[in-house]
Amino acid sequence: MNVELTRFKVKEGKSKIVDEWLLFLNENMKETLITLEKEKMYVETIFREVLNGDEYLYWYSVQEENGQEVEESEHWIDKKHLEYWEECIDKNFKPIDLSTEVVMIPEKVKKSMI
């Protein structure tokens, strides 16, 4: 099981598009959740932060190994999600993976995940 938290920088001037992107995911949550099954994604959460004038999005995820990559998906939600990604995420900034130090998932929850 992979537990990850990664920080991505938002391109300058794209905050309004990020607003639209996150609203899109929230408004289409039923369809969005369907796409997580093939990815073997148990939990995916997006956090947002402005730090020293720069905007960042953080992805927290709990995922089983060998899930489908979002780029391989034919689902319209994933295609739109990747369009927003391309428009908003700064590829010149190397994503930062925070170190996983402790994972606390009760056994009964873990069993229901796999």
PDB file of N, CA and C in Angstrom:
ATOM      1  N   MET A   1       0.845  -1.171   0.000  1.00  0.00           N
ATOM      2  CA  MET A   1       0.000   0.000   0.000  1.00  0.00           C
ATOM      3  C   MET A   1       0.895   1.240   0.000  1.00  0.00           C
ATOM      4  N   ASN A   2       0.602   2.181  -0.861  1.00  0.00           N
ATOM      5  CA  ASN A   2       1.354   3.427  -0.954  1.00  0.00           C
ATOM      6  C   ASN A   2       0.570   4.559  -0.298  1.00  0.00           C
ATOM      7  N   VAL A   3       1.212   5.237   0.629  1.00  0.00           N
ATOM      8  CA  VAL A   3       0.632   6.417   1.266  1.00  0.00           C
ATOM      9  C   VAL A   3       1.555   7.569   0.911  1.00  0.00           C
ATOM     10  N   GLU A   4       1.007   8.563   0.217  1.00  0.00           N
ATOM     11  CA  GLU A   4       1.848   9.633  -0.307  1.00  0.00           C
ATOM     12  C   GLU A   4       1.232  11.004  -0.078  1.00  0.00           C
ATOM     13  N   LEU A   5       2.118  11.992   0.041  1.00  0.00           N
ATOM     14  CA  LEU A   5       1.731  13.394   0.053  1.00  0.00           C
ATOM     15  C   LEU A   5       2.745  14.126  -0.815  1.00  0.00           C
ATOM     16  N   THR A   6       2.258  14.742  -1.882  1.00  0.00           N
ATOM     17  CA  THR A   6       3.136  15.397  -2.850  1.00  0.00           C
ATOM     18  C   THR A   6       2.654  16.824  -3.082  1.00  0.00           C
ATOM     19  N   ARG A   7       3.635  17.751  -3.163  1.00  0.00           N
ATOM     20  CA  ARG A   7       3.325  19.162  -3.402  1.00  0.00           C
ATOM     21  C   ARG A   7       3.666  19.525  -4.841  1.00  0.00           C
ATOM     22  N   PHE A   8       2.712  20.196  -5.506  1.00  0.00           N
ATOM     23  CA  PHE A   8       2.876  20.679  -6.870  1.00  0.00           C
ATOM     24  C   PHE A   8       2.644  22.182  -6.886  1.00  0.00           C
ATOM     25  N   LYS A   9       3.425  22.887  -7.661  1.00  0.00           N
ATOM     26  CA  LYS A   9       3.272  24.334  -7.765  1.00  0.00           C
ATOM     27  C   LYS A   9       2.285  24.671  -8.871  1.00  0.00           C
ATOM     28  N   VAL A  10       1.426  25.639  -8.582  1.00  0.00           N
ATOM     29  CA  VAL A  10       0.461  26.134  -9.559  1.00  0.00           C
ATOM     30  C   VAL A  10       1.132  27.232 -10.383  1.00  0.00           C
ATOM     31  N   LYS A  11       0.890  27.211 -11.681  1.00  0.00           N
ATOM     32  CA  LYS A  11       1.421  28.257 -12.554  1.00  0.00           C
ATOM     33  C   LYS A  11       0.872  29.612 -12.110  1.00  0.00           C
ATOM     34  N   GLU A  12       1.707  30.621 -12.222  1.00  0.00           N
ATOM     35  CA  GLU A  12       1.295  31.969 -11.866  1.00  0.00           C
ATOM     36  C   GLU A  12       0.101  32.400 -12.715  1.00  0.00           C
ATOM     37  N   GLY A  13      -0.883  33.025 -12.067  1.00  0.00           N
ATOM     38  CA  GLY A  13      -2.064  33.519 -12.764  1.00  0.00           C
ATOM     39  C   GLY A  13      -3.137  32.476 -13.023  1.00  0.00           C
ATOM     40  N   LYS A  14      -3.002  31.276 -12.479  1.00  0.00           N
ATOM     41  CA  LYS A  14      -3.962  30.200 -12.746  1.00  0.00           C
ATOM     42  C   LYS A  14      -4.891  29.900 -11.566  1.00  0.00           C
ATOM     43  N   SER A  15      -4.907  30.757 -10.546  1.00  0.00           N
ATOM     44  CA  SER A  15      -5.747  30.501  -9.369  1.00  0.00           C
ATOM     45  C   SER A  15      -7.228  30.362  -9.701  1.00  0.00           C
ATOM     46  N   LYS A  16      -7.726  31.191 -10.598  1.00  0.00           N
ATOM     47  CA  LYS A  16      -9.148  31.112 -10.974  1.00  0.00           C
ATOM     48  C   LYS A  16      -9.451  29.792 -11.681  1.00  0.00           C
ATOM     49  N   ILE A  17      -8.520  29.325 -12.494  1.00  0.00           N
ATOM     50  CA  ILE A  17      -8.709  28.034 -13.171  1.00  0.00           C
ATOM     51  C   ILE A  17      -8.647  26.904 -12.141  1.00  0.00           C
ATOM     52  N   VAL A  18      -7.777  27.023 -11.143  1.00  0.00           N
ATOM     53  CA  VAL A  18      -7.728  26.025 -10.064  1.00  0.00           C
ATOM     54  C   VAL A  18      -9.067  26.009  -9.326  1.00  0.00           C
ATOM     55  N   ASP A  19      -9.645  27.192  -9.063  1.00  0.00           N
ATOM     56  CA  ASP A  19     -10.982  27.252  -8.444  1.00  0.00           C
ATOM     57  C   ASP A  19     -11.976  26.437  -9.264  1.00  0.00           C
ATOM     58  N   GLU A  20     -11.950  26.651 -10.571  1.00  0.00           N
ATOM     59  CA  GLU A  20     -12.851  25.954 -11.496  1.00  0.00           C
ATOM     60  C   GLU A  20     -12.596  24.448 -11.462  1.00  0.00           C
ATOM     61  N   TRP A  21     -11.327  24.050 -11.452  1.00  0.00           N
ATOM     62  CA  TRP A  21     -10.918  22.644 -11.438  1.00  0.00           C
ATOM     63  C   TRP A  21     -11.445  21.938 -10.192  1.00  0.00           C
ATOM     64  N   LEU A  22     -11.203  22.528  -9.038  1.00  0.00           N
ATOM     65  CA  LEU A  22     -11.632  21.901  -7.784  1.00  0.00           C
ATOM     66  C   LEU A  22     -13.154  21.864  -7.681  1.00  0.00           C
ATOM     67  N   LEU A  23     -13.821  22.907  -8.176  1.00  0.00           N
ATOM     68  CA  LEU A  23     -15.281  22.910  -8.217  1.00  0.00           C
ATOM     69  C   LEU A  23     -15.784  21.797  -9.134  1.00  0.00           C
ATOM     70  N   PHE A  24     -15.134  21.635 -10.285  1.00  0.00           N
ATOM     71  CA  PHE A  24     -15.485  20.565 -11.221  1.00  0.00           C
ATOM     72  C   PHE A  24     -15.423  19.193 -10.537  1.00  0.00           C
ATOM     73  N   LEU A  25     -14.339  18.927  -9.811  1.00  0.00           N
ATOM     74  CA  LEU A  25     -14.208  17.638  -9.131  1.00  0.00           C
ATOM     75  C   LEU A  25     -15.278  17.474  -8.065  1.00  0.00           C
ATOM     76  N   ASN A  26     -15.530  18.518  -7.287  1.00  0.00           N
ATOM     77  CA  ASN A  26     -16.552  18.440  -6.239  1.00  0.00           C
ATOM     78  C   ASN A  26     -17.959  18.274  -6.806  1.00  0.00           C
ATOM     79  N   GLU A  27     -18.246  18.978  -7.883  1.00  0.00           N
ATOM     80  CA  GLU A  27     -19.579  18.888  -8.482  1.00  0.00           C
ATOM     81  C   GLU A  27     -19.814  17.568  -9.213  1.00  0.00           C
ATOM     82  N   ASN A  28     -18.761  16.879  -9.567  1.00  0.00           N
ATOM     83  CA  ASN A  28     -18.866  15.599 -10.278  1.00  0.00           C
ATOM     84  C   ASN A  28     -18.305  14.459  -9.429  1.00  0.00           C
ATOM     85  N   MET A  29     -18.511  14.546  -8.121  1.00  0.00           N
ATOM     86  CA  MET A  29     -17.895  13.600  -7.205  1.00  0.00           C
ATOM     87  C   MET A  29     -18.314  12.155  -7.470  1.00  0.00           C
ATOM     88  N   LYS A  30     -19.572  11.922  -7.781  1.00  0.00           N
ATOM     89  CA  LYS A  30     -20.029  10.547  -8.029  1.00  0.00           C
ATOM     90  C   LYS A  30     -19.222   9.912  -9.160  1.00  0.00           C
ATOM     91  N   GLU A  31     -19.057  10.623 -10.263  1.00  0.00           N
ATOM     92  CA  GLU A  31     -18.277  10.122 -11.394  1.00  0.00           C
ATOM     93  C   GLU A  31     -16.793  10.056 -11.054  1.00  0.00           C
ATOM     94  N   THR A  32     -16.318  11.042 -10.300  1.00  0.00           N
ATOM     95  CA  THR A  32     -14.910  11.069  -9.916  1.00  0.00           C
ATOM     96  C   THR A  32     -14.555   9.840  -9.093  1.00  0.00           C
ATOM     97  N   LEU A  33     -15.412   9.477  -8.160  1.00  0.00           N
ATOM     98  CA  LEU A  33     -15.154   8.314  -7.316  1.00  0.00           C
ATOM     99  C   LEU A  33     -15.110   7.019  -8.120  1.00  0.00           C
ATOM    100  N   ILE A  34     -15.904   6.950  -9.163  1.00  0.00           N
ATOM    101  CA  ILE A  34     -15.898   5.761 -10.028  1.00  0.00           C
ATOM    102  C   ILE A  34     -14.507   5.562 -10.643  1.00  0.00           C
ATOM    103  N   THR A  35     -13.850   6.653 -11.010  1.00  0.00           N
ATOM    104  CA  THR A  35     -12.539   6.543 -11.657  1.00  0.00           C
ATOM    105  C   THR A  35     -11.463   6.023 -10.706  1.00  0.00           C
ATOM    106  N   LEU A  36     -11.665   6.170  -9.411  1.00  0.00           N
ATOM    107  CA  LEU A  36     -10.657   5.746  -8.442  1.00  0.00           C
ATOM    108  C   LEU A  36     -10.521   4.233  -8.355  1.00  0.00           C
ATOM    109  N   GLU A  37     -11.576   3.504  -8.699  1.00  0.00           N
ATOM    110  CA  GLU A  37     -11.542   2.048  -8.568  1.00  0.00           C
ATOM    111  C   GLU A  37     -10.454   1.409  -9.425  1.00  0.00           C
ATOM    112  N   LYS A  38     -10.355   1.778 -10.689  1.00  0.00           N
ATOM    113  CA  LYS A  38      -9.328   1.194 -11.562  1.00  0.00           C
ATOM    114  C   LYS A  38      -7.927   1.608 -11.130  1.00  0.00           C
ATOM    115  N   GLU A  39      -7.827   2.766 -10.496  1.00  0.00           N
ATOM    116  CA  GLU A  39      -6.533   3.232  -9.996  1.00  0.00           C
ATOM    117  C   GLU A  39      -6.148   2.537  -8.693  1.00  0.00           C
ATOM    118  N   LYS A  40      -7.087   1.766  -8.136  1.00  0.00           N
ATOM    119  CA  LYS A  40      -6.905   1.137  -6.821  1.00  0.00           C
ATOM    120  C   LYS A  40      -6.600   2.201  -5.759  1.00  0.00           C
ATOM    121  N   MET A  41      -7.276   3.330  -5.911  1.00  0.00           N
ATOM    122  CA  MET A  41      -7.105   4.472  -5.030  1.00  0.00           C
ATOM    123  C   MET A  41      -8.170   4.404  -3.944  1.00  0.00           C
ATOM    124  N   TYR A  42      -7.717   4.267  -2.694  1.00  0.00           N
ATOM    125  CA  TYR A  42      -8.639   4.182  -1.568  1.00  0.00           C
ATOM    126  C   TYR A  42      -9.007   5.558  -1.040  1.00  0.00           C
ATOM    127  N   VAL A  43      -8.034   6.461  -1.006  1.00  0.00           N
ATOM    128  CA  VAL A  43      -8.246   7.820  -0.518  1.00  0.00           C
ATOM    129  C   VAL A  43      -7.433   8.755  -1.399  1.00  0.00           C
ATOM    130  N   GLU A  44      -8.060   9.819  -1.852  1.00  0.00           N
ATOM    131  CA  GLU A  44      -7.329  10.865  -2.572  1.00  0.00           C
ATOM    132  C   GLU A  44      -7.896  12.195  -2.115  1.00  0.00           C
ATOM    133  N   THR A  45      -7.028  13.050  -1.638  1.00  0.00           N
ATOM    134  CA  THR A  45      -7.432  14.341  -1.110  1.00  0.00           C
ATOM    135  C   THR A  45      -6.514  15.404  -1.674  1.00  0.00           C
ATOM    136  N   ILE A  46      -7.097  16.544  -2.056  1.00  0.00           N
ATOM    137  CA  ILE A  46      -6.314  17.658  -2.580  1.00  0.00           C
ATOM    138  C   ILE A  46      -6.378  18.794  -1.567  1.00  0.00           C
ATOM    139  N   PHE A  47      -5.204  19.283  -1.188  1.00  0.00           N
ATOM    140  CA  PHE A  47      -5.090  20.434  -0.298  1.00  0.00           C
ATOM    141  C   PHE A  47      -4.528  21.599  -1.109  1.00  0.00           C
ATOM    142  N   ARG A  48      -4.798  22.803  -0.642  1.00  0.00           N
ATOM    143  CA  ARG A  48      -4.353  24.009  -1.344  1.00  0.00           C
ATOM    144  C   ARG A  48      -3.681  24.942  -0.350  1.00  0.00           C
ATOM    145  N   GLU A  49      -2.597  25.602  -0.802  1.00  0.00           N
ATOM    146  CA  GLU A  49      -1.876  26.515   0.086  1.00  0.00           C
ATOM    147  C   GLU A  49      -1.232  27.623  -0.738  1.00  0.00           C
ATOM    148  N   VAL A  50      -1.219  28.826  -0.165  1.00  0.00           N
ATOM    149  CA  VAL A  50      -0.426  29.916  -0.714  1.00  0.00           C
ATOM    150  C   VAL A  50       0.688  30.161   0.287  1.00  0.00           C
ATOM    151  N   LEU A  51       1.926  30.085  -0.196  1.00  0.00           N
ATOM    152  CA  LEU A  51       3.097  30.214   0.660  1.00  0.00           C
ATOM    153  C   LEU A  51       4.072  31.194  -0.001  1.00  0.00           C
ATOM    154  N   ASN A  52       4.360  32.289   0.694  1.00  0.00           N
ATOM    155  CA  ASN A  52       5.267  33.316   0.160  1.00  0.00           C
ATOM    156  C   ASN A  52       4.843  33.799  -1.231  1.00  0.00           C
ATOM    157  N   GLY A  53       3.543  33.899  -1.434  1.00  0.00           N
ATOM    158  CA  GLY A  53       3.019  34.404  -2.696  1.00  0.00           C
ATOM    159  C   GLY A  53       2.868  33.371  -3.792  1.00  0.00           C
ATOM    160  N   ASP A  54       3.344  32.159  -3.572  1.00  0.00           N
ATOM    161  CA  ASP A  54       3.200  31.081  -4.554  1.00  0.00           C
ATOM    162  C   ASP A  54       2.090  30.131  -4.116  1.00  0.00           C
ATOM    163  N   GLU A  55       1.359  29.626  -5.083  1.00  0.00           N
ATOM    164  CA  GLU A  55       0.253  28.713  -4.781  1.00  0.00           C
ATOM    165  C   GLU A  55       0.678  27.278  -5.059  1.00  0.00           C
ATOM    166  N   TYR A  56       0.253  26.385  -4.161  1.00  0.00           N
ATOM    167  CA  TYR A  56       0.577  24.970  -4.262  1.00  0.00           C
ATOM    168  C   TYR A  56      -0.670  24.123  -4.067  1.00  0.00           C
ATOM    169  N   LEU A  57      -0.673  22.987  -4.730  1.00  0.00           N
ATOM    170  CA  LEU A  57      -1.670  21.951  -4.478  1.00  0.00           C
ATOM    171  C   LEU A  57      -0.927  20.740  -3.952  1.00  0.00           C
ATOM    172  N   TYR A  58      -1.504  20.112  -2.944  1.00  0.00           N
ATOM    173  CA  TYR A  58      -0.932  18.914  -2.334  1.00  0.00           C
ATOM    174  C   TYR A  58      -1.887  17.760  -2.598  1.00  0.00           C
ATOM    175  N   TRP A  59      -1.354  16.638  -3.037  1.00  0.00           N
ATOM    176  CA  TRP A  59      -2.141  15.428  -3.217  1.00  0.00           C
ATOM    177  C   TRP A  59      -1.752  14.439  -2.125  1.00  0.00           C
ATOM    178  N   TYR A  60      -2.755  14.057  -1.332  1.00  0.00           N
ATOM    179  CA  TYR A  60      -2.577  13.006  -0.332  1.00  0.00           C
ATOM    180  C   TYR A  60      -3.319  11.796  -0.854  1.00  0.00           C
ATOM    181  N   SER A  61      -2.661  10.636  -0.844  1.00  0.00           N
ATOM    182  CA  SER A  61      -3.329   9.447  -1.362  1.00  0.00           C
ATOM    183  C   SER A  61      -2.933   8.196  -0.600  1.00  0.00           C
ATOM    184  N   VAL A  62      -3.878   7.282  -0.566  1.00  0.00           N
ATOM    185  CA  VAL A  62      -3.655   5.928  -0.074  1.00  0.00           C
ATOM    186  C   VAL A  62      -4.097   5.038  -1.228  1.00  0.00           C
ATOM    187  N   GLN A  63      -3.138   4.292  -1.772  1.00  0.00           N
ATOM    188  CA  GLN A  63      -3.389   3.557  -3.006  1.00  0.00           C
ATOM    189  C   GLN A  63      -2.707   2.196  -2.971  1.00  0.00           C
ATOM    190  N   GLU A  64      -3.402   1.215  -3.499  1.00  0.00           N
ATOM    191  CA  GLU A  64      -2.816  -0.117  -3.661  1.00  0.00           C
ATOM    192  C   GLU A  64      -1.835  -0.066  -4.838  1.00  0.00           C
ATOM    193  N   GLU A  65      -0.854  -0.924  -4.818  1.00  0.00           N
ATOM    194  CA  GLU A  65       0.103  -0.979  -5.915  1.00  0.00           C
ATOM    195  C   GLU A  65      -0.552  -1.529  -7.182  1.00  0.00           C
ATOM    196  N   ASN A  66       0.031  -1.198  -8.313  1.00  0.00           N
ATOM    197  CA  ASN A  66      -0.384  -1.708  -9.628  1.00  0.00           C
ATOM    198  C   ASN A  66      -1.758  -1.223 -10.085  1.00  0.00           C
ATOM    199  N   GLY A  67      -2.169  -0.058  -9.636  1.00  0.00           N
ATOM    200  CA  GLY A  67      -3.412   0.521 -10.130  1.00  0.00           C
ATOM    201  C   GLY A  67      -3.192   1.180 -11.481  1.00  0.00           C
ATOM    202  N   GLN A  68      -4.270   1.413 -12.186  1.00  0.00           N
ATOM    203  CA  GLN A  68      -4.193   2.076 -13.483  1.00  0.00           C
ATOM    204  C   GLN A  68      -3.737   3.530 -13.282  1.00  0.00           C
ATOM    205  N   GLU A  69      -2.868   3.993 -14.132  1.00  0.00           N
ATOM    206  CA  GLU A  69      -2.447   5.394 -14.106  1.00  0.00           C
ATOM    207  C   GLU A  69      -3.571   6.254 -14.677  1.00  0.00           C
ATOM    208  N   VAL A  70      -3.752   7.434 -14.108  1.00  0.00           N
ATOM    209  CA  VAL A  70      -4.819   8.319 -14.572  1.00  0.00           C
ATOM    210  C   VAL A  70      -4.646   8.644 -16.055  1.00  0.00           C
ATOM    211  N   GLU A  71      -3.411   8.710 -16.522  1.00  0.00           N
ATOM    212  CA  GLU A  71      -3.149   9.009 -17.928  1.00  0.00           C
ATOM    213  C   GLU A  71      -3.633   7.897 -18.864  1.00  0.00           C
ATOM    214  N   GLU A  72      -3.839   6.708 -18.345  1.00  0.00           N
ATOM    215  CA  GLU A  72      -4.313   5.576 -19.146  1.00  0.00           C
ATOM    216  C   GLU A  72      -5.832   5.506 -19.224  1.00  0.00           C
ATOM    217  N   SER A  73      -6.507   6.287 -18.429  1.00  0.00           N
ATOM    218  CA  SER A  73      -7.959   6.233 -18.335  1.00  0.00           C
ATOM    219  C   SER A  73      -8.630   6.842 -19.571  1.00  0.00           C
ATOM    220  N   GLU A  74      -9.734   6.238 -19.960  1.00  0.00           N
ATOM    221  CA  GLU A  74     -10.563   6.758 -21.052  1.00  0.00           C
ATOM    222  C   GLU A  74     -11.789   7.494 -20.511  1.00  0.00           C
ATOM    223  N   HIS A  75     -11.947   7.559 -19.198  1.00  0.00           N
ATOM    224  CA  HIS A  75     -13.122   8.194 -18.586  1.00  0.00           C
ATOM    225  C   HIS A  75     -13.074   9.705 -18.791  1.00  0.00           C
ATOM    226  N   TRP A  76     -14.218  10.300 -19.103  1.00  0.00           N
ATOM    227  CA  TRP A  76     -14.271  11.745 -19.391  1.00  0.00           C
ATOM    228  C   TRP A  76     -13.835  12.592 -18.194  1.00  0.00           C
ATOM    229  N   ILE A  77     -14.084  12.131 -16.985  1.00  0.00           N
ATOM    230  CA  ILE A  77     -13.649  12.877 -15.790  1.00  0.00           C
ATOM    231  C   ILE A  77     -12.128  12.969 -15.771  1.00  0.00           C
ATOM    232  N   ASP A  78     -11.460  11.853 -15.997  1.00  0.00           N
ATOM    233  CA  ASP A  78     -10.000  11.849 -15.986  1.00  0.00           C
ATOM    234  C   ASP A  78      -9.425  12.690 -17.112  1.00  0.00           C
ATOM    235  N   LYS A  79     -10.048  12.645 -18.270  1.00  0.00           N
ATOM    236  CA  LYS A  79      -9.572  13.455 -19.393  1.00  0.00           C
ATOM    237  C   LYS A  79      -9.672  14.947 -19.060  1.00  0.00           C
ATOM    238  N   LYS A  80     -10.791  15.366 -18.464  1.00  0.00           N
ATOM    239  CA  LYS A  80     -10.961  16.768 -18.083  1.00  0.00           C
ATOM    240  C   LYS A  80      -9.995  17.132 -16.954  1.00  0.00           C
ATOM    241  N   HIS A  81      -9.828  16.236 -15.997  1.00  0.00           N
ATOM    242  CA  HIS A  81      -8.896  16.440 -14.891  1.00  0.00           C
ATOM    243  C   HIS A  81      -7.479  16.682 -15.430  1.00  0.00           C
ATOM    244  N   LEU A  82      -7.058  15.894 -16.401  1.00  0.00           N
ATOM    245  CA  LEU A  82      -5.729  16.055 -16.984  1.00  0.00           C
ATOM    246  C   LEU A  82      -5.603  17.343 -17.796  1.00  0.00           C
ATOM    247  N   GLU A  83      -6.695  17.808 -18.401  1.00  0.00           N
ATOM    248  CA  GLU A  83      -6.680  19.107 -19.088  1.00  0.00           C
ATOM    249  C   GLU A  83      -6.394  20.220 -18.081  1.00  0.00           C
ATOM    250  N   TYR A  84      -7.099  20.183 -16.943  1.00  0.00           N
ATOM    251  CA  TYR A  84      -6.851  21.174 -15.895  1.00  0.00           C
ATOM    252  C   TYR A  84      -5.412  21.069 -15.396  1.00  0.00           C
ATOM    253  N   TRP A  85      -4.953  19.845 -15.203  1.00  0.00           N
ATOM    254  CA  TRP A  85      -3.583  19.609 -14.728  1.00  0.00           C
ATOM    255  C   TRP A  85      -2.580  20.304 -15.659  1.00  0.00           C
ATOM    256  N   GLU A  86      -2.708  20.043 -16.950  1.00  0.00           N
ATOM    257  CA  GLU A  86      -1.799  20.624 -17.937  1.00  0.00           C
ATOM    258  C   GLU A  86      -1.832  22.153 -17.902  1.00  0.00           C
ATOM    259  N   GLU A  87      -3.006  22.716 -17.721  1.00  0.00           N
ATOM    260  CA  GLU A  87      -3.139  24.171 -17.718  1.00  0.00           C
ATOM    261  C   GLU A  87      -2.615  24.811 -16.431  1.00  0.00           C
ATOM    262  N   CYS A  88      -2.726  24.103 -15.310  1.00  0.00           N
ATOM    263  CA  CYS A  88      -2.474  24.731 -14.014  1.00  0.00           C
ATOM    264  C   CYS A  88      -1.177  24.352 -13.311  1.00  0.00           C
ATOM    265  N   ILE A  89      -0.652  23.162 -13.537  1.00  0.00           N
ATOM    266  CA  ILE A  89       0.510  22.704 -12.770  1.00  0.00           C
ATOM    267  C   ILE A  89       1.804  23.119 -13.476  1.00  0.00           C
ATOM    268  N   ASP A  90       2.693  23.749 -12.725  1.00  0.00           N
ATOM    269  CA  ASP A  90       3.966  24.253 -13.228  1.00  0.00           C
ATOM    270  C   ASP A  90       4.962  23.098 -13.378  1.00  0.00           C
ATOM    271  N   LYS A  91       5.261  22.734 -14.617  1.00  0.00           N
ATOM    272  CA  LYS A  91       6.176  21.617 -14.875  1.00  0.00           C
ATOM    273  C   LYS A  91       7.639  21.985 -14.625  1.00  0.00           C
ATOM    274  N   ASN A  92       7.917  23.265 -14.472  1.00  0.00           N
ATOM    275  CA  ASN A  92       9.289  23.700 -14.181  1.00  0.00           C
ATOM    276  C   ASN A  92       9.639  23.531 -12.707  1.00  0.00           C
ATOM    277  N   PHE A  93       8.633  23.282 -11.869  1.00  0.00           N
ATOM    278  CA  PHE A  93       8.832  23.057 -10.439  1.00  0.00           C
ATOM    279  C   PHE A  93       8.807  21.555 -10.195  1.00  0.00           C
ATOM    280  N   LYS A  94       9.896  21.025  -9.647  1.00  0.00           N
ATOM    281  CA  LYS A  94       9.948  19.591  -9.359  1.00  0.00           C
ATOM    282  C   LYS A  94       9.001  19.283  -8.193  1.00  0.00           C
ATOM    283  N   PRO A  95       8.024  18.389  -8.398  1.00  0.00           N
ATOM    284  CA  PRO A  95       7.112  18.038  -7.293  1.00  0.00           C
ATOM    285  C   PRO A  95       7.903  17.549  -6.086  1.00  0.00           C
ATOM    286  N   ILE A  96       7.398  17.864  -4.927  1.00  0.00           N
ATOM    287  CA  ILE A  96       8.063  17.467  -3.692  1.00  0.00           C
ATOM    288  C   ILE A  96       7.240  16.392  -3.008  1.00  0.00           C
ATOM    289  N   ASP A  97       7.839  15.212  -2.850  1.00  0.00           N
ATOM    290  CA  ASP A  97       7.216  14.125  -2.102  1.00  0.00           C
ATOM    291  C   ASP A  97       7.639  14.258  -0.649  1.00  0.00           C
ATOM    292  N   LEU A  98       6.672  14.457   0.217  1.00  0.00           N
ATOM    293  CA  LEU A  98       6.984  14.518   1.636  1.00  0.00           C
ATOM    294  C   LEU A  98       7.243  13.106   2.131  1.00  0.00           C
ATOM    295  N   SER A  99       8.095  12.974   3.124  1.00  0.00           N
ATOM    296  CA  SER A  99       8.469  11.656   3.642  1.00  0.00           C
ATOM    297  C   SER A  99       7.356  11.076   4.502  1.00  0.00           C
ATOM    298  N   THR A 100       6.990   9.847   4.202  1.00  0.00           N
ATOM    299  CA  THR A 100       6.021   9.137   5.031  1.00  0.00           C
ATOM    300  C   THR A 100       6.778   8.547   6.217  1.00  0.00           C
ATOM    301  N   GLU A 101       6.413   8.959   7.405  1.00  0.00           N
ATOM    302  CA  GLU A 101       7.111   8.519   8.613  1.00  0.00           C
ATOM    303  C   GLU A 101       6.280   7.530   9.433  1.00  0.00           C
ATOM    304  N   VAL A 102       4.991   7.770   9.518  1.00  0.00           N
ATOM    305  CA  VAL A 102       4.106   6.905  10.300  1.00  0.00           C
ATOM    306  C   VAL A 102       2.787   6.792   9.548  1.00  0.00           C
ATOM    307  N   VAL A 103       2.297   5.588   9.383  1.00  0.00           N
ATOM    308  CA  VAL A 103       0.984   5.354   8.774  1.00  0.00           C
ATOM    309  C   VAL A 103       0.110   4.692   9.829  1.00  0.00           C
ATOM    310  N   MET A 104      -0.981   5.348  10.154  1.00  0.00           N
ATOM    311  CA  MET A 104      -1.887   4.822  11.172  1.00  0.00           C
ATOM    312  C   MET A 104      -3.237   4.517  10.533  1.00  0.00           C
ATOM    313  N   ILE A 105      -3.430   3.268  10.215  1.00  0.00           N
ATOM    314  CA  ILE A 105      -4.693   2.795   9.663  1.00  0.00           C
ATOM    315  C   ILE A 105      -5.095   1.587  10.480  1.00  0.00           C
ATOM    316  N   PRO A 106      -6.195   1.673  11.224  1.00  0.00           N
ATOM    317  CA  PRO A 106      -6.627   0.530  12.014  1.00  0.00           C
ATOM    318  C   PRO A 106      -6.812  -0.705  11.129  1.00  0.00           C
ATOM    319  N   GLU A 107      -6.509  -1.865  11.670  1.00  0.00           N
ATOM    320  CA  GLU A 107      -6.571  -3.110  10.900  1.00  0.00           C
ATOM    321  C   GLU A 107      -7.930  -3.335  10.267  1.00  0.00           C
ATOM    322  N   LYS A 108      -9.017  -3.032  10.969  1.00  0.00           N
ATOM    323  CA  LYS A 108     -10.351  -3.268  10.397  1.00  0.00           C
ATOM    324  C   LYS A 108     -10.612  -2.348   9.199  1.00  0.00           C
ATOM    325  N   VAL A 109     -10.043  -1.152   9.225  1.00  0.00           N
ATOM    326  CA  VAL A 109     -10.173  -0.241   8.090  1.00  0.00           C
ATOM    327  C   VAL A 109      -9.315  -0.749   6.936  1.00  0.00           C
ATOM    328  N   LYS A 110      -8.099  -1.156   7.221  1.00  0.00           N
ATOM    329  CA  LYS A 110      -7.190  -1.677   6.204  1.00  0.00           C
ATOM    330  C   LYS A 110      -7.809  -2.892   5.507  1.00  0.00           C
ATOM    331  N   LYS A 111      -8.409  -3.799   6.286  1.00  0.00           N
ATOM    332  CA  LYS A 111      -9.035  -4.994   5.697  1.00  0.00           C
ATOM    333  C   LYS A 111     -10.172  -4.633   4.777  1.00  0.00           C
ATOM    334  N   SER A 112     -10.916  -3.577   5.114  1.00  0.00           N
ATOM    335  CA  SER A 112     -12.037  -3.189   4.266  1.00  0.00           C
ATOM    336  C   SER A 112     -11.553  -2.495   2.988  1.00  0.00           C
ATOM    337  N   MET A 113     -10.324  -2.020   2.997  1.00  0.00           N
ATOM    338  CA  MET A 113      -9.761  -1.355   1.826  1.00  0.00           C
ATOM    339  C   MET A 113      -9.315  -2.358   0.768  1.00  0.00           C
ATOM    340  N   ILE A 114      -8.764  -3.480   1.207  1.00  0.00           N
ATOM    341  CA  ILE A 114      -8.195  -4.416   0.226  1.00  0.00           C
ATOM    342  C   ILE A 114      -9.071  -5.598  -0.038  1.00  0.00           C
TER     343      ILE A 114
END
